[in-house]
Amino acid sequence: MKIWWRGHASFVIEAAGKKIVTDPFNAELGYPLKSQKADIVTISHDHWDHNALETIQGSPRVVRDIGNTDIGEIRLEGIASYHDQKKGRKRGANIIFIITTEGLRLVHLGDLGHPLNPAQLEQIGLVDILMVPVGGTYTIDAGEAEALVAALRPKIVIPMHLSTPHLSFPLPSLEHFTSFYDDVIKRPFLEVTSEHLGNQTKVVVLDYLSS
């Protein structure tokens, strides 16, 4: 499996012969908008910086609902959550996507805005790779993200939805989250197999300019 960060909550995941794009955005967000083809697109919620399907080439299968979806050797499971701490009354619903393929279980939290309850934690279960928002303001903040990492115990954590030089609106910086960890790895992209995950949680910061 290979993973690139496009910026914000958008990633490109190559696995099982298919290309998955999460939460595509348009040029208004400020990030470099590169031409992107996809076989599958997941959308955690219908806000402009997460649902820009018009920027994706091809005829991808769009997954934007809770429940299970099987596409070839890839299973996607959508879990209901909220974009805020008031059960969606402020910013609406959010879908957590679990992507299972190649012996790996990847969890994209979307714009999660609240701590997960025990039932949600149990439903998510084992996590190999966790994509977690850390910027606060519109999502959980760095401290809440760190607590969630401790609860889920993923092998790899990839922070997202945070301040960068290109983001068109203010969010707290990455360092608010990475300061909780002694070992932070920076890479242009992540290539990982189930055989080489290790036993300890690692924080991997990806470079969106390499996507």
N, C-alpha and C. Protein backbone atom coordinates (compact mmCIF):
# COMPACT_ATOMS: atom_id res chain seq x y z
N MET A 1 0.84 -1.19 0.00
CA MET A 1 0.00 0.00 0.00
C MET A 1 0.88 1.25 0.00
N LYS A 2 0.49 2.22 -0.82
CA LYS A 2 1.17 3.51 -0.84
C LYS A 2 0.15 4.60 -0.52
N ILE A 3 0.59 5.60 0.26
CA ILE A 3 -0.30 6.67 0.69
C ILE A 3 0.41 8.01 0.49
N TRP A 4 -0.28 8.92 -0.19
CA TRP A 4 0.17 10.29 -0.34
C TRP A 4 -0.86 11.21 0.30
N TRP A 5 -0.40 12.30 0.88
CA TRP A 5 -1.29 13.33 1.44
C TRP A 5 -1.41 14.46 0.45
N ARG A 6 -2.62 14.79 0.05
CA ARG A 6 -2.85 15.90 -0.89
C ARG A 6 -3.02 17.22 -0.15
N GLY A 7 -3.17 17.17 1.17
CA GLY A 7 -3.47 18.34 1.99
C GLY A 7 -4.83 18.19 2.63
N HIS A 8 -5.03 18.90 3.75
CA HIS A 8 -6.29 18.90 4.47
C HIS A 8 -6.67 17.47 4.88
N ALA A 9 -7.81 16.94 4.45
CA ALA A 9 -8.19 15.56 4.80
C ALA A 9 -8.15 14.65 3.58
N SER A 10 -7.45 15.09 2.55
CA SER A 10 -7.44 14.33 1.29
C SER A 10 -6.15 13.55 1.12
N PHE A 11 -6.30 12.26 0.86
CA PHE A 11 -5.18 11.37 0.61
C PHE A 11 -5.41 10.60 -0.68
N VAL A 12 -4.33 10.13 -1.26
CA VAL A 12 -4.37 9.15 -2.34
C VAL A 12 -3.82 7.85 -1.79
N ILE A 13 -4.60 6.80 -1.91
CA ILE A 13 -4.20 5.49 -1.40
C ILE A 13 -4.19 4.52 -2.57
N GLU A 14 -3.06 3.94 -2.86
CA GLU A 14 -2.95 2.91 -3.89
C GLU A 14 -2.86 1.55 -3.22
N ALA A 15 -3.84 0.70 -3.49
CA ALA A 15 -3.89 -0.62 -2.86
C ALA A 15 -4.76 -1.54 -3.69
N ALA A 16 -4.41 -2.82 -3.72
CA ALA A 16 -5.21 -3.85 -4.40
C ALA A 16 -5.54 -3.46 -5.84
N GLY A 17 -4.59 -2.81 -6.50
CA GLY A 17 -4.78 -2.46 -7.90
C GLY A 17 -5.72 -1.30 -8.16
N LYS A 18 -6.10 -0.58 -7.12
CA LYS A 18 -7.01 0.55 -7.28
C LYS A 18 -6.45 1.79 -6.59
N LYS A 19 -6.98 2.94 -7.01
CA LYS A 19 -6.58 4.21 -6.43
C LYS A 19 -7.78 4.82 -5.72
N ILE A 20 -7.61 5.09 -4.43
CA ILE A 20 -8.66 5.68 -3.59
C ILE A 20 -8.27 7.12 -3.27
N VAL A 21 -9.21 8.05 -3.41
CA VAL A 21 -9.01 9.43 -2.97
C VAL A 21 -10.02 9.73 -1.87
N THR A 22 -9.54 10.28 -0.75
CA THR A 22 -10.44 10.67 0.34
C THR A 22 -10.69 12.17 0.30
N ASP A 23 -11.90 12.59 0.59
CA ASP A 23 -12.27 13.99 0.82
C ASP A 23 -11.60 14.98 -0.13
N PRO A 24 -11.90 14.92 -1.42
CA PRO A 24 -11.26 15.85 -2.37
C PRO A 24 -11.71 17.30 -2.14
N PHE A 25 -10.81 18.24 -2.40
CA PHE A 25 -11.08 19.67 -2.23
C PHE A 25 -10.87 20.39 -3.55
N ASN A 26 -11.32 21.65 -3.60
CA ASN A 26 -11.09 22.45 -4.80
C ASN A 26 -10.04 23.53 -4.53
N ALA A 27 -9.81 24.39 -5.52
CA ALA A 27 -8.72 25.37 -5.44
C ALA A 27 -8.93 26.41 -4.35
N GLU A 28 -10.17 26.61 -3.90
CA GLU A 28 -10.43 27.60 -2.86
C GLU A 28 -9.68 27.30 -1.56
N LEU A 29 -9.34 26.05 -1.34
CA LEU A 29 -8.69 25.68 -0.09
C LEU A 29 -7.26 26.18 -0.01
N GLY A 30 -6.65 26.47 -1.17
CA GLY A 30 -5.31 27.04 -1.19
C GLY A 30 -4.20 26.08 -1.54
N TYR A 31 -4.46 24.78 -1.45
CA TYR A 31 -3.43 23.80 -1.78
C TYR A 31 -3.24 23.68 -3.30
N PRO A 32 -2.04 23.26 -3.72
CA PRO A 32 -1.85 22.99 -5.14
C PRO A 32 -2.86 21.94 -5.61
N LEU A 33 -3.60 22.26 -6.66
CA LEU A 33 -4.64 21.35 -7.14
C LEU A 33 -4.11 20.61 -8.36
N LYS A 34 -3.71 19.37 -8.15
CA LYS A 34 -3.14 18.57 -9.22
C LYS A 34 -4.19 17.64 -9.80
N SER A 35 -4.05 17.36 -11.09
CA SER A 35 -4.98 16.45 -11.75
C SER A 35 -4.91 15.08 -11.08
N GLN A 36 -6.06 14.52 -10.75
CA GLN A 36 -6.08 13.27 -10.00
C GLN A 36 -7.15 12.33 -10.54
N LYS A 37 -6.74 11.13 -10.90
CA LYS A 37 -7.68 10.08 -11.28
C LYS A 37 -7.92 9.17 -10.08
N ALA A 38 -9.09 8.56 -10.03
CA ALA A 38 -9.39 7.66 -8.92
C ALA A 38 -10.37 6.60 -9.37
N ASP A 39 -10.27 5.44 -8.73
CA ASP A 39 -11.27 4.38 -8.91
C ASP A 39 -12.36 4.49 -7.85
N ILE A 40 -11.97 4.98 -6.67
CA ILE A 40 -12.89 5.10 -5.53
C ILE A 40 -12.66 6.46 -4.87
N VAL A 41 -13.74 7.12 -4.49
CA VAL A 41 -13.65 8.36 -3.72
C VAL A 41 -14.53 8.23 -2.49
N THR A 42 -13.96 8.52 -1.32
CA THR A 42 -14.75 8.55 -0.10
C THR A 42 -14.98 10.00 0.30
N ILE A 43 -16.19 10.29 0.79
CA ILE A 43 -16.54 11.63 1.23
C ILE A 43 -17.10 11.53 2.65
N SER A 44 -16.41 12.15 3.59
CA SER A 44 -16.82 12.04 4.99
C SER A 44 -18.03 12.92 5.30
N HIS A 45 -18.17 14.04 4.57
CA HIS A 45 -19.31 14.93 4.77
C HIS A 45 -19.37 15.94 3.63
N ASP A 46 -20.51 16.55 3.44
CA ASP A 46 -20.72 17.41 2.27
C ASP A 46 -20.43 18.87 2.57
N HIS A 47 -19.17 19.16 2.92
CA HIS A 47 -18.70 20.53 2.98
C HIS A 47 -17.74 20.77 1.81
N TRP A 48 -17.66 22.00 1.35
CA TRP A 48 -16.96 22.32 0.11
C TRP A 48 -15.49 21.88 0.08
N ASP A 49 -14.86 21.82 1.25
CA ASP A 49 -13.45 21.45 1.29
C ASP A 49 -13.23 19.95 1.47
N HIS A 50 -14.31 19.17 1.28
CA HIS A 50 -14.21 17.72 1.43
C HIS A 50 -14.98 16.94 0.36
N ASN A 51 -15.71 17.60 -0.50
CA ASN A 51 -16.60 16.87 -1.43
C ASN A 51 -16.48 17.32 -2.88
N ALA A 52 -15.31 17.82 -3.27
CA ALA A 52 -15.13 18.39 -4.61
C ALA A 52 -14.92 17.30 -5.66
N LEU A 53 -15.97 16.57 -5.94
CA LEU A 53 -15.88 15.47 -6.90
C LEU A 53 -15.52 15.95 -8.31
N GLU A 54 -15.84 17.21 -8.61
CA GLU A 54 -15.55 17.74 -9.93
C GLU A 54 -14.05 17.82 -10.23
N THR A 55 -13.22 17.70 -9.20
CA THR A 55 -11.77 17.76 -9.40
C THR A 55 -11.16 16.40 -9.70
N ILE A 56 -11.94 15.34 -9.62
CA ILE A 56 -11.44 13.98 -9.83
C ILE A 56 -11.77 13.50 -11.23
N GLN A 57 -10.78 13.00 -11.93
CA GLN A 57 -10.97 12.49 -13.28
C GLN A 57 -11.44 11.03 -13.26
N GLY A 58 -12.00 10.60 -14.38
CA GLY A 58 -12.49 9.24 -14.49
C GLY A 58 -13.93 9.13 -14.02
N SER A 59 -14.35 7.92 -13.76
CA SER A 59 -15.70 7.64 -13.27
C SER A 59 -15.62 6.83 -11.99
N PRO A 60 -15.16 7.45 -10.92
CA PRO A 60 -14.92 6.69 -9.69
C PRO A 60 -16.21 6.26 -9.01
N ARG A 61 -16.10 5.19 -8.24
CA ARG A 61 -17.18 4.79 -7.35
C ARG A 61 -17.13 5.71 -6.14
N VAL A 62 -18.22 6.40 -5.88
CA VAL A 62 -18.25 7.35 -4.77
C VAL A 62 -18.94 6.70 -3.58
N VAL A 63 -18.26 6.71 -2.43
CA VAL A 63 -18.78 6.12 -1.20
C VAL A 63 -18.94 7.24 -0.19
N ARG A 64 -20.18 7.48 0.23
CA ARG A 64 -20.46 8.61 1.14
C ARG A 64 -21.54 8.26 2.16
N ASP A 65 -21.70 6.97 2.44
CA ASP A 65 -22.76 6.53 3.35
C ASP A 65 -22.19 5.60 4.41
N ILE A 66 -22.91 5.45 5.51
CA ILE A 66 -22.53 4.48 6.52
C ILE A 66 -22.86 3.08 6.01
N GLY A 67 -22.26 2.06 6.62
CA GLY A 67 -22.46 0.69 6.19
C GLY A 67 -21.28 0.18 5.38
N ASN A 68 -21.38 -1.04 4.89
CA ASN A 68 -20.29 -1.72 4.19
C ASN A 68 -20.43 -1.62 2.69
N THR A 69 -19.29 -1.41 2.02
CA THR A 69 -19.22 -1.41 0.57
C THR A 69 -18.00 -2.22 0.16
N ASP A 70 -18.19 -3.23 -0.66
CA ASP A 70 -17.08 -4.05 -1.15
C ASP A 70 -16.84 -3.73 -2.61
N ILE A 71 -15.58 -3.40 -2.92
CA ILE A 71 -15.18 -3.10 -4.29
C ILE A 71 -13.92 -3.90 -4.57
N GLY A 72 -14.08 -4.99 -5.32
CA GLY A 72 -12.95 -5.88 -5.55
C GLY A 72 -12.42 -6.42 -4.24
N GLU A 73 -11.12 -6.23 -4.00
CA GLU A 73 -10.49 -6.72 -2.78
C GLU A 73 -10.45 -5.68 -1.67
N ILE A 74 -11.26 -4.64 -1.83
CA ILE A 74 -11.28 -3.55 -0.85
C ILE A 74 -12.65 -3.50 -0.17
N ARG A 75 -12.65 -3.46 1.14
CA ARG A 75 -13.89 -3.25 1.89
C ARG A 75 -13.84 -1.88 2.55
N LEU A 76 -14.92 -1.12 2.37
CA LEU A 76 -15.07 0.17 3.03
C LEU A 76 -16.24 0.09 3.99
N GLU A 77 -16.01 0.52 5.22
CA GLU A 77 -17.06 0.55 6.23
C GLU A 77 -17.22 1.98 6.74
N GLY A 78 -18.42 2.52 6.61
CA GLY A 78 -18.70 3.86 7.09
C GLY A 78 -19.37 3.82 8.45
N ILE A 79 -18.83 4.56 9.39
CA ILE A 79 -19.34 4.62 10.77
C ILE A 79 -19.84 6.03 11.05
N ALA A 80 -21.04 6.13 11.58
CA ALA A 80 -21.65 7.44 11.85
C ALA A 80 -20.95 8.15 13.00
N SER A 81 -20.74 9.44 12.82
CA SER A 81 -20.20 10.30 13.87
C SER A 81 -20.66 11.72 13.57
N TYR A 82 -20.08 12.68 14.27
CA TYR A 82 -20.51 14.07 14.10
C TYR A 82 -19.32 15.00 13.86
N HIS A 83 -19.63 16.14 13.25
CA HIS A 83 -18.63 17.15 12.93
C HIS A 83 -18.42 18.12 14.10
N ASP A 84 -19.12 17.92 15.20
CA ASP A 84 -19.04 18.83 16.33
C ASP A 84 -19.37 18.06 17.61
N GLN A 85 -19.34 18.76 18.71
CA GLN A 85 -19.63 18.13 20.00
C GLN A 85 -21.09 18.28 20.42
N LYS A 86 -21.94 18.71 19.49
CA LYS A 86 -23.36 18.89 19.79
C LYS A 86 -24.23 17.97 18.93
N LYS A 87 -23.71 16.78 18.66
CA LYS A 87 -24.42 15.75 17.88
C LYS A 87 -24.90 16.28 16.53
N GLY A 88 -24.04 17.07 15.92
CA GLY A 88 -24.30 17.53 14.57
C GLY A 88 -25.14 18.79 14.46
N ARG A 89 -25.58 19.32 15.57
CA ARG A 89 -26.45 20.50 15.50
C ARG A 89 -25.71 21.74 15.01
N LYS A 90 -24.40 21.73 15.12
CA LYS A 90 -23.61 22.89 14.70
C LYS A 90 -23.05 22.74 13.29
N ARG A 91 -22.48 21.56 12.98
CA ARG A 91 -21.84 21.38 11.67
C ARG A 91 -22.31 20.13 10.93
N GLY A 92 -23.21 19.37 11.50
CA GLY A 92 -23.74 18.22 10.79
C GLY A 92 -23.04 16.92 11.09
N ALA A 93 -23.33 15.94 10.25
CA ALA A 93 -22.81 14.59 10.43
C ALA A 93 -21.42 14.45 9.82
N ASN A 94 -20.74 13.39 10.23
CA ASN A 94 -19.43 13.04 9.70
C ASN A 94 -19.36 11.51 9.63
N ILE A 95 -18.71 11.01 8.61
CA ILE A 95 -18.55 9.56 8.47
C ILE A 95 -17.08 9.18 8.64
N ILE A 96 -16.83 8.26 9.53
CA ILE A 96 -15.52 7.64 9.68
C ILE A 96 -15.45 6.47 8.71
N PHE A 97 -14.41 6.43 7.89
CA PHE A 97 -14.27 5.32 6.95
C PHE A 97 -13.15 4.38 7.36
N ILE A 98 -13.48 3.09 7.42
CA ILE A 98 -12.48 2.05 7.61
C ILE A 98 -12.26 1.39 6.26
N ILE A 99 -11.01 1.37 5.84
CA ILE A 99 -10.64 0.76 4.55
C ILE A 99 -9.78 -0.46 4.86
N THR A 100 -10.28 -1.63 4.47
CA THR A 100 -9.57 -2.88 4.75
C THR A 100 -9.15 -3.53 3.45
N THR A 101 -7.85 -3.73 3.27
CA THR A 101 -7.32 -4.37 2.08
C THR A 101 -5.84 -4.69 2.30
N GLU A 102 -5.32 -5.65 1.57
CA GLU A 102 -3.92 -6.04 1.64
C GLU A 102 -3.48 -6.38 3.06
N GLY A 103 -4.41 -6.90 3.86
CA GLY A 103 -4.10 -7.26 5.23
C GLY A 103 -3.93 -6.09 6.16
N LEU A 104 -4.34 -4.89 5.72
CA LEU A 104 -4.21 -3.68 6.53
C LEU A 104 -5.58 -3.08 6.79
N ARG A 105 -5.71 -2.43 7.93
CA ARG A 105 -6.95 -1.77 8.32
C ARG A 105 -6.65 -0.29 8.56
N LEU A 106 -7.12 0.52 7.64
CA LEU A 106 -6.85 1.96 7.64
C LEU A 106 -8.12 2.69 8.06
N VAL A 107 -7.99 3.66 8.95
CA VAL A 107 -9.15 4.42 9.44
C VAL A 107 -8.94 5.90 9.14
N HIS A 108 -9.87 6.47 8.38
CA HIS A 108 -9.88 7.91 8.07
C HIS A 108 -11.02 8.52 8.86
N LEU A 109 -10.68 9.42 9.79
CA LEU A 109 -11.68 9.96 10.72
C LEU A 109 -12.48 11.12 10.15
N GLY A 110 -12.14 11.58 8.94
CA GLY A 110 -12.87 12.71 8.38
C GLY A 110 -12.74 13.93 9.29
N ASP A 111 -13.79 14.73 9.35
CA ASP A 111 -13.79 15.90 10.24
C ASP A 111 -14.46 15.57 11.57
N LEU A 112 -13.93 14.57 12.23
CA LEU A 112 -14.47 14.18 13.53
C LEU A 112 -14.39 15.35 14.49
N GLY A 113 -15.51 15.66 15.16
CA GLY A 113 -15.55 16.82 16.03
C GLY A 113 -15.76 16.52 17.49
N HIS A 114 -15.64 15.26 17.90
CA HIS A 114 -15.92 14.87 19.28
C HIS A 114 -15.15 13.61 19.65
N PRO A 115 -14.92 13.37 20.94
CA PRO A 115 -14.33 12.10 21.35
C PRO A 115 -15.27 10.94 20.98
N LEU A 116 -14.71 9.80 20.69
CA LEU A 116 -15.52 8.64 20.35
C LEU A 116 -16.02 7.95 21.61
N ASN A 117 -17.25 7.46 21.57
CA ASN A 117 -17.79 6.74 22.72
C ASN A 117 -17.34 5.27 22.68
N PRO A 118 -17.53 4.51 23.75
CA PRO A 118 -17.07 3.12 23.78
C PRO A 118 -17.62 2.27 22.64
N ALA A 119 -18.88 2.49 22.25
CA ALA A 119 -19.47 1.70 21.16
C ALA A 119 -18.75 1.99 19.85
N GLN A 120 -18.43 3.24 19.60
CA GLN A 120 -17.73 3.60 18.36
C GLN A 120 -16.30 3.04 18.37
N LEU A 121 -15.64 3.11 19.50
CA LEU A 121 -14.29 2.55 19.60
C LEU A 121 -14.31 1.05 19.34
N GLU A 122 -15.31 0.37 19.88
CA GLU A 122 -15.43 -1.07 19.67
C GLU A 122 -15.73 -1.37 18.21
N GLN A 123 -16.58 -0.58 17.59
CA GLN A 123 -16.92 -0.80 16.19
C GLN A 123 -15.70 -0.61 15.29
N ILE A 124 -14.88 0.37 15.60
CA ILE A 124 -13.65 0.58 14.82
C ILE A 124 -12.68 -0.57 15.03
N GLY A 125 -12.48 -0.97 16.27
CA GLY A 125 -11.64 -2.12 16.57
C GLY A 125 -10.17 -1.89 16.26
N LEU A 126 -9.53 -2.91 15.70
CA LEU A 126 -8.10 -2.87 15.38
C LEU A 126 -7.82 -1.81 14.33
N VAL A 127 -6.78 -1.04 14.55
CA VAL A 127 -6.37 -0.01 13.59
C VAL A 127 -4.89 -0.16 13.28
N ASP A 128 -4.57 -0.30 12.01
CA ASP A 128 -3.16 -0.30 11.60
C ASP A 128 -2.68 1.11 11.28
N ILE A 129 -3.48 1.85 10.51
CA ILE A 129 -3.11 3.20 10.09
C ILE A 129 -4.28 4.12 10.41
N LEU A 130 -3.99 5.19 11.14
CA LEU A 130 -5.02 6.14 11.56
C LEU A 130 -4.73 7.51 10.96
N MET A 131 -5.69 8.05 10.20
CA MET A 131 -5.61 9.41 9.69
C MET A 131 -6.50 10.27 10.56
N VAL A 132 -5.89 11.16 11.34
CA VAL A 132 -6.61 11.85 12.41
C VAL A 132 -6.50 13.37 12.25
N PRO A 133 -7.63 14.09 12.32
CA PRO A 133 -7.56 15.55 12.32
C PRO A 133 -7.01 16.04 13.65
N VAL A 134 -6.16 17.06 13.61
CA VAL A 134 -5.51 17.52 14.83
C VAL A 134 -5.60 19.02 15.04
N GLY A 135 -6.19 19.74 14.08
CA GLY A 135 -6.12 21.19 14.09
C GLY A 135 -7.08 21.91 14.99
N GLY A 136 -8.10 21.21 15.49
CA GLY A 136 -9.08 21.90 16.31
C GLY A 136 -9.93 22.86 15.49
N THR A 137 -10.65 23.74 16.15
CA THR A 137 -11.55 24.74 15.56
C THR A 137 -12.76 24.07 14.90
N TYR A 138 -12.52 23.27 13.85
CA TYR A 138 -13.61 22.59 13.14
C TYR A 138 -13.64 21.09 13.44
N THR A 139 -12.63 20.59 14.13
CA THR A 139 -12.51 19.16 14.42
C THR A 139 -11.99 19.01 15.85
N ILE A 140 -11.70 17.77 16.24
CA ILE A 140 -11.00 17.56 17.50
C ILE A 140 -9.65 18.28 17.45
N ASP A 141 -9.17 18.68 18.61
CA ASP A 141 -7.89 19.39 18.65
C ASP A 141 -6.75 18.41 18.95
N ALA A 142 -5.55 18.95 19.10
CA ALA A 142 -4.38 18.11 19.27
C ALA A 142 -4.48 17.22 20.50
N GLY A 143 -4.94 17.76 21.62
CA GLY A 143 -5.05 16.97 22.84
C GLY A 143 -6.09 15.87 22.71
N GLU A 144 -7.22 16.19 22.09
CA GLU A 144 -8.26 15.17 21.87
C GLU A 144 -7.78 14.10 20.90
N ALA A 145 -6.99 14.52 19.91
CA ALA A 145 -6.44 13.55 18.96
C ALA A 145 -5.46 12.62 19.65
N GLU A 146 -4.63 13.17 20.52
CA GLU A 146 -3.67 12.34 21.25
C GLU A 146 -4.38 11.32 22.12
N ALA A 147 -5.48 11.73 22.77
CA ALA A 147 -6.25 10.81 23.60
C ALA A 147 -6.88 9.71 22.76
N LEU A 148 -7.32 10.06 21.56
CA LEU A 148 -7.93 9.07 20.67
C LEU A 148 -6.89 8.08 20.16
N VAL A 149 -5.70 8.57 19.87
CA VAL A 149 -4.61 7.67 19.48
C VAL A 149 -4.31 6.68 20.60
N ALA A 150 -4.29 7.17 21.83
CA ALA A 150 -4.04 6.29 22.97
C ALA A 150 -5.13 5.23 23.12
N ALA A 151 -6.37 5.59 22.80
CA ALA A 151 -7.48 4.64 22.92
C ALA A 151 -7.48 3.61 21.80
N LEU A 152 -7.15 4.03 20.58
CA LEU A 152 -7.21 3.13 19.42
C LEU A 152 -5.92 2.34 19.21
N ARG A 153 -4.81 2.87 19.68
CA ARG A 153 -3.49 2.23 19.59
C ARG A 153 -3.13 1.78 18.18
N PRO A 154 -3.19 2.67 17.22
CA PRO A 154 -2.79 2.30 15.85
C PRO A 154 -1.29 2.09 15.76
N LYS A 155 -0.85 1.40 14.73
CA LYS A 155 0.58 1.23 14.50
C LYS A 155 1.19 2.49 13.88
N ILE A 156 0.41 3.14 13.00
CA ILE A 156 0.89 4.35 12.32
C ILE A 156 -0.19 5.42 12.44
N VAL A 157 0.22 6.63 12.78
CA VAL A 157 -0.68 7.78 12.86
C VAL A 157 -0.24 8.82 11.84
N ILE A 158 -1.17 9.27 11.01
CA ILE A 158 -0.90 10.33 10.04
C ILE A 158 -1.78 11.52 10.39
N PRO A 159 -1.22 12.63 10.87
CA PRO A 159 -2.03 13.80 11.18
C PRO A 159 -2.51 14.51 9.92
N MET A 160 -3.70 15.13 10.02
CA MET A 160 -4.30 15.85 8.89
C MET A 160 -5.14 17.00 9.44
N HIS A 161 -5.71 17.78 8.52
CA HIS A 161 -6.60 18.89 8.87
C HIS A 161 -5.92 19.82 9.87
N LEU A 162 -4.86 20.47 9.42
CA LEU A 162 -4.01 21.31 10.26
C LEU A 162 -3.46 22.47 9.44
N SER A 163 -2.83 23.40 10.13
CA SER A 163 -2.28 24.57 9.45
C SER A 163 -1.09 24.20 8.57
N THR A 164 -1.05 24.77 7.38
CA THR A 164 0.11 24.68 6.48
C THR A 164 0.26 26.05 5.80
N PRO A 165 1.40 26.29 5.14
CA PRO A 165 1.56 27.57 4.44
C PRO A 165 0.54 27.81 3.34
N HIS A 166 -0.10 26.76 2.83
CA HIS A 166 -1.04 26.92 1.72
C HIS A 166 -2.50 27.02 2.15
N LEU A 167 -2.84 26.57 3.35
CA LEU A 167 -4.23 26.54 3.76
C LEU A 167 -4.82 27.95 3.80
N SER A 168 -6.03 28.11 3.25
CA SER A 168 -6.61 29.44 3.07
C SER A 168 -7.31 29.98 4.31
N PHE A 169 -7.39 29.19 5.39
CA PHE A 169 -7.97 29.70 6.64
C PHE A 169 -7.12 29.21 7.81
N PRO A 170 -7.16 29.90 8.94
CA PRO A 170 -6.24 29.59 10.04
C PRO A 170 -6.65 28.35 10.83
N LEU A 171 -5.65 27.56 11.17
CA LEU A 171 -5.79 26.43 12.09
C LEU A 171 -4.51 26.35 12.92
N PRO A 172 -4.56 25.75 14.10
CA PRO A 172 -3.33 25.55 14.87
C PRO A 172 -2.32 24.68 14.11
N SER A 173 -1.06 24.82 14.47
CA SER A 173 0.01 24.15 13.74
C SER A 173 0.14 22.69 14.13
N LEU A 174 0.86 21.97 13.30
CA LEU A 174 1.14 20.55 13.51
C LEU A 174 1.83 20.30 14.85
N GLU A 175 2.67 21.23 15.26
CA GLU A 175 3.48 21.02 16.47
C GLU A 175 2.63 20.86 17.73
N HIS A 176 1.43 21.38 17.73
CA HIS A 176 0.56 21.17 18.88
C HIS A 176 0.30 19.67 19.10
N PHE A 177 0.26 18.92 18.01
CA PHE A 177 0.03 17.47 18.11
C PHE A 177 1.34 16.70 18.26
N THR A 178 2.32 16.99 17.43
CA THR A 178 3.57 16.21 17.46
C THR A 178 4.35 16.40 18.75
N SER A 179 4.08 17.48 19.49
CA SER A 179 4.78 17.69 20.76
C SER A 179 4.48 16.60 21.79
N PHE A 180 3.42 15.82 21.58
CA PHE A 180 3.10 14.73 22.49
C PHE A 180 4.00 13.51 22.26
N TYR A 181 4.78 13.51 21.18
CA TYR A 181 5.51 12.30 20.78
C TYR A 181 7.01 12.60 20.64
N ASP A 182 7.81 11.63 21.04
CA ASP A 182 9.26 11.78 20.95
C ASP A 182 9.78 11.46 19.55
N ASP A 183 9.13 10.53 18.88
CA ASP A 183 9.64 10.07 17.59
C ASP A 183 8.62 10.39 16.50
N VAL A 184 8.91 11.38 15.68
CA VAL A 184 8.04 11.78 14.58
C VAL A 184 8.83 11.63 13.27
N ILE A 185 8.27 10.87 12.36
CA ILE A 185 8.92 10.59 11.09
C ILE A 185 8.30 11.46 10.00
N LYS A 186 9.13 12.08 9.17
CA LYS A 186 8.64 12.88 8.05
C LYS A 186 9.03 12.21 6.75
N ARG A 187 8.02 12.04 5.88
CA ARG A 187 8.25 11.36 4.60
C ARG A 187 7.44 12.03 3.49
N PRO A 188 7.92 11.92 2.25
CA PRO A 188 7.12 12.44 1.13
C PRO A 188 5.85 11.61 0.91
N PHE A 189 5.94 10.31 1.16
CA PHE A 189 4.78 9.42 1.08
C PHE A 189 5.08 8.20 1.93
N LEU A 190 4.06 7.40 2.16
CA LEU A 190 4.21 6.21 3.00
C LEU A 190 3.97 4.96 2.16
N GLU A 191 4.89 4.04 2.23
CA GLU A 191 4.71 2.71 1.63
C GLU A 191 4.79 1.69 2.76
N VAL A 192 3.77 0.86 2.89
CA VAL A 192 3.70 -0.03 4.05
C VAL A 192 3.05 -1.34 3.66
N THR A 193 3.48 -2.41 4.30
CA THR A 193 2.85 -3.72 4.17
C THR A 193 2.49 -4.22 5.55
N SER A 194 1.62 -5.22 5.61
CA SER A 194 1.20 -5.76 6.90
C SER A 194 2.35 -6.41 7.65
N GLU A 195 3.39 -6.84 6.93
CA GLU A 195 4.51 -7.52 7.57
C GLU A 195 5.49 -6.56 8.23
N HIS A 196 5.38 -5.26 7.94
CA HIS A 196 6.38 -4.32 8.43
C HIS A 196 5.77 -3.17 9.23
N LEU A 197 4.74 -3.47 10.00
CA LEU A 197 4.09 -2.42 10.78
C LEU A 197 4.81 -2.10 12.08
N GLY A 198 5.45 -3.08 12.68
CA GLY A 198 6.06 -2.88 13.99
C GLY A 198 5.03 -2.99 15.10
N ASN A 199 5.48 -2.82 16.32
CA ASN A 199 4.61 -3.00 17.49
C ASN A 199 4.29 -1.70 18.21
N GLN A 200 5.05 -0.64 17.95
CA GLN A 200 4.84 0.63 18.63
C GLN A 200 4.16 1.64 17.71
N THR A 201 3.40 2.53 18.29
CA THR A 201 2.75 3.58 17.51
C THR A 201 3.79 4.57 16.98
N LYS A 202 3.74 4.82 15.67
CA LYS A 202 4.64 5.78 15.04
C LYS A 202 3.80 6.90 14.43
N VAL A 203 4.27 8.13 14.59
CA VAL A 203 3.64 9.28 13.95
C VAL A 203 4.41 9.58 12.67
N VAL A 204 3.69 9.58 11.56
CA VAL A 204 4.31 9.83 10.25
C VAL A 204 3.67 11.08 9.66
N VAL A 205 4.47 12.10 9.44
CA VAL A 205 4.01 13.35 8.84
C VAL A 205 4.35 13.31 7.35
N LEU A 206 3.34 13.42 6.51
CA LEU A 206 3.55 13.37 5.07
C LEU A 206 3.61 14.78 4.48
N ASP A 207 4.35 14.91 3.39
CA ASP A 207 4.54 16.19 2.71
C ASP A 207 3.51 16.31 1.59
N TYR A 208 2.56 17.24 1.74
CA TYR A 208 1.52 17.38 0.73
C TYR A 208 2.06 17.86 -0.60
N LEU A 209 3.23 18.49 -0.61
CA LEU A 209 3.80 18.95 -1.87
C LEU A 209 4.34 17.81 -2.71
N SER A 210 4.42 16.61 -2.12
CA SER A 210 4.90 15.44 -2.86
C SER A 210 3.77 14.61 -3.44
N SER A 211 2.52 15.00 -3.18
CA SER A 211 1.39 14.18 -3.63
C SER A 211 1.18 14.27 -5.13
